[in-house]
Amino acid sequence: MRRGRILIGVIALGLVLSVNLLAASPSLHEWVHADAATEGHQCAVTLFAHGQVDSATVEVAAITPLVSIETTSQFEFSVFAPAIGNLPAGRAPPVSLLPS
């Protein structure tokens, strides 16, 4: 069953590519059809060359995984730490020379 589907797909792909080749090369199309250069000539190649080919539309449901991303805002905060704790023993903070 699987080989049959692959074979049909390869044949269909070959037909579309050959029709596209014939549509791209008028001399090759005239080699296949003697009346290819005439005004009223209609075949699959001329219809394909002029874009008059209907194609089936296929709707494929796209299954996307649900990804949850949580973002947190960044914030900064400061904690009061008196400078006297950072000084060595016997040292006091500097005295302000400005009158208070």
C-alpha atoms as a PDB file:
ATOM      1  CA  MET A   1       0.000   0.000   0.000  1.00  0.00           C
ATOM      2  CA  ARG A   2       2.781   2.431   0.954  1.00  0.00           C
ATOM      3  CA  ARG A   3       4.815   1.660  -2.177  1.00  0.00           C
ATOM      4  CA  GLY A   4       1.754   2.277  -4.339  1.00  0.00           C
ATOM      5  CA  ARG A   5       1.261   5.738  -2.829  1.00  0.00           C
ATOM      6  CA  ILE A   6       4.918   6.568  -3.319  1.00  0.00           C
ATOM      7  CA  LEU A   7       4.736   5.397  -6.938  1.00  0.00           C
ATOM      8  CA  ILE A   8       1.630   7.492  -7.630  1.00  0.00           C
ATOM      9  CA  GLY A   9       3.294  10.512  -6.016  1.00  0.00           C
ATOM     10  CA  VAL A  10       6.425  10.108  -8.128  1.00  0.00           C
ATOM     11  CA  ILE A  11       4.358   9.756 -11.318  1.00  0.00           C
ATOM     12  CA  ALA A  12       2.261  12.836 -10.459  1.00  0.00           C
ATOM     13  CA  LEU A  13       5.400  14.839  -9.689  1.00  0.00           C
ATOM     14  CA  GLY A  14       6.951  13.724 -12.971  1.00  0.00           C
ATOM     15  CA  LEU A  15       3.846  14.790 -14.907  1.00  0.00           C
ATOM     16  CA  VAL A  16       3.748  18.233 -13.309  1.00  0.00           C
ATOM     17  CA  LEU A  17       7.453  18.768 -13.948  1.00  0.00           C
ATOM     18  CA  SER A  18       7.167  17.629 -17.567  1.00  0.00           C
ATOM     19  CA  VAL A  19       4.188  19.918 -18.209  1.00  0.00           C
ATOM     20  CA  ASN A  20       6.153  22.771 -16.622  1.00  0.00           C
ATOM     21  CA  LEU A  21       9.146  21.970 -18.854  1.00  0.00           C
ATOM     22  CA  LEU A  22       6.936  21.960 -21.949  1.00  0.00           C
ATOM     23  CA  ALA A  23       5.346  25.262 -20.875  1.00  0.00           C
ATOM     24  CA  ALA A  24       8.766  26.858 -20.412  1.00  0.00           C
ATOM     25  CA  SER A  25      10.124  25.706 -23.768  1.00  0.00           C
ATOM     26  CA  PRO A  26       7.910  26.551 -26.782  1.00  0.00           C
ATOM     27  CA  SER A  27      10.185  24.656 -29.196  1.00  0.00           C
ATOM     28  CA  LEU A  28       9.870  21.497 -27.095  1.00  0.00           C
ATOM     29  CA  HIS A  29       6.092  22.007 -26.960  1.00  0.00           C
ATOM     30  CA  GLU A  30       6.003  22.331 -30.765  1.00  0.00           C
ATOM     31  CA  TRP A  31       8.003  19.097 -30.993  1.00  0.00           C
ATOM     32  CA  VAL A  32       5.240  17.318 -29.024  1.00  0.00           C
ATOM     33  CA  HIS A  33       2.338  19.105 -30.773  1.00  0.00           C
ATOM     34  CA  ALA A  34       2.678  20.126 -34.391  1.00  0.00           C
ATOM     35  CA  ASP A  35      -0.041  22.785 -34.003  1.00  0.00           C
ATOM     36  CA  ALA A  36       1.290  24.255 -30.746  1.00  0.00           C
ATOM     37  CA  ALA A  37       2.077  27.617 -32.377  1.00  0.00           C
ATOM     38  CA  THR A  38      -1.469  28.156 -33.678  1.00  0.00           C
ATOM     39  CA  GLU A  39      -3.812  30.719 -32.135  1.00  0.00           C
ATOM     40  CA  GLY A  40      -6.568  28.406 -30.881  1.00  0.00           C
ATOM     41  CA  HIS A  41      -4.385  25.574 -29.583  1.00  0.00           C
ATOM     42  CA  GLN A  42      -5.432  24.371 -26.150  1.00  0.00           C
ATOM     43  CA  CYS A  43      -3.821  21.600 -24.183  1.00  0.00           C
ATOM     44  CA  ALA A  44      -2.626  21.054 -20.641  1.00  0.00           C
ATOM     45  CA  VAL A  45       0.677  22.747 -21.437  1.00  0.00           C
ATOM     46  CA  THR A  46      -0.878  25.990 -22.730  1.00  0.00           C
ATOM     47  CA  LEU A  47      -3.359  26.082 -19.869  1.00  0.00           C
ATOM     48  CA  PHE A  48      -0.492  25.556 -17.410  1.00  0.00           C
ATOM     49  CA  ALA A  49       1.606  28.244 -19.113  1.00  0.00           C
ATOM     50  CA  HIS A  50      -1.201  30.821 -18.862  1.00  0.00           C
ATOM     51  CA  GLY A  51      -2.036  29.984 -15.243  1.00  0.00           C
ATOM     52  CA  GLN A  52      -5.470  28.574 -16.016  1.00  0.00           C
ATOM     53  CA  VAL A  53      -5.057  25.510 -13.842  1.00  0.00           C
ATOM     54  CA  ASP A  54      -7.193  24.924 -10.791  1.00  0.00           C
ATOM     55  CA  SER A  55      -5.589  23.277  -7.840  1.00  0.00           C
ATOM     56  CA  ALA A  56      -7.221  21.733  -4.844  1.00  0.00           C
ATOM     57  CA  THR A  57      -6.879  23.613  -1.602  1.00  0.00           C
ATOM     58  CA  VAL A  58      -5.934  21.633   1.433  1.00  0.00           C
ATOM     59  CA  GLU A  59      -6.341  22.945   4.926  1.00  0.00           C
ATOM     60  CA  VAL A  60      -3.934  21.479   7.410  1.00  0.00           C
ATOM     61  CA  ALA A  61      -4.521  22.194  11.052  1.00  0.00           C
ATOM     62  CA  ALA A  62      -1.315  23.473  12.582  1.00  0.00           C
ATOM     63  CA  ILE A  63      -0.930  22.094  16.051  1.00  0.00           C
ATOM     64  CA  THR A  64       1.232  24.418  18.074  1.00  0.00           C
ATOM     65  CA  PRO A  65       2.306  23.514  21.558  1.00  0.00           C
ATOM     66  CA  LEU A  66       1.188  25.862  24.271  1.00  0.00           C
ATOM     67  CA  VAL A  67       4.225  27.449  25.843  1.00  0.00           C
ATOM     68  CA  SER A  68       3.739  29.403  29.014  1.00  0.00           C
ATOM     69  CA  ILE A  69       6.305  32.099  29.622  1.00  0.00           C
ATOM     70  CA  GLU A  70       6.155  34.056  32.817  1.00  0.00           C
ATOM     71  CA  THR A  71       8.008  37.308  33.014  1.00  0.00           C
ATOM     72  CA  THR A  72       8.704  39.257  36.153  1.00  0.00           C
ATOM     73  CA  SER A  73       9.553  42.900  36.236  1.00  0.00           C
ATOM     74  CA  GLN A  74      12.954  43.765  37.566  1.00  0.00           C
ATOM     75  CA  PHE A  75      13.069  46.208  40.395  1.00  0.00           C
ATOM     76  CA  GLU A  76      15.841  47.634  42.512  1.00  0.00           C
ATOM     77  CA  PHE A  77      15.692  48.410  46.156  1.00  0.00           C
ATOM     78  CA  SER A  78      18.190  49.738  48.654  1.00  0.00           C
ATOM     79  CA  VAL A  79      18.634  48.775  52.264  1.00  0.00           C
ATOM     80  CA  PHE A  80      19.816  51.283  54.814  1.00  0.00           C
ATOM     81  CA  ALA A  81      23.162  50.218  56.218  1.00  0.00           C
ATOM     82  CA  PRO A  82      24.850  52.720  58.491  1.00  0.00           C
ATOM     83  CA  ALA A  83      28.412  53.548  57.497  1.00  0.00           C
ATOM     84  CA  ILE A  84      29.643  53.236  61.048  1.00  0.00           C
ATOM     85  CA  GLY A  85      29.413  49.467  60.844  1.00  0.00           C
ATOM     86  CA  ASN A  86      31.935  49.487  57.978  1.00  0.00           C
ATOM     87  CA  LEU A  87      34.559  51.517  59.826  1.00  0.00           C
ATOM     88  CA  PRO A  88      37.381  49.886  61.790  1.00  0.00           C
ATOM     89  CA  ALA A  89      37.275  49.975  65.574  1.00  0.00           C
ATOM     90  CA  GLY A  90      38.164  53.383  67.052  1.00  0.00           C
ATOM     91  CA  ARG A  91      37.183  55.346  63.953  1.00  0.00           C
ATOM     92  CA  ALA A  92      34.148  57.554  63.687  1.00  0.00           C
ATOM     93  CA  PRO A  93      32.437  58.890  60.595  1.00  0.00           C
ATOM     94  CA  PRO A  94      33.812  62.124  59.179  1.00  0.00           C
ATOM     95  CA  VAL A  95      32.470  65.322  60.641  1.00  0.00           C
ATOM     96  CA  SER A  96      30.764  67.770  58.375  1.00  0.00           C
ATOM     97  CA  LEU A  97      32.395  71.183  58.258  1.00  0.00           C
ATOM     98  CA  LEU A  98      29.148  72.844  57.234  1.00  0.00           C
ATOM     99  CA  PRO A  99      27.140  74.475  60.012  1.00  0.00           C
ATOM    100  CA  SER A 100      23.906  72.686  60.692  1.00  0.00           C
END
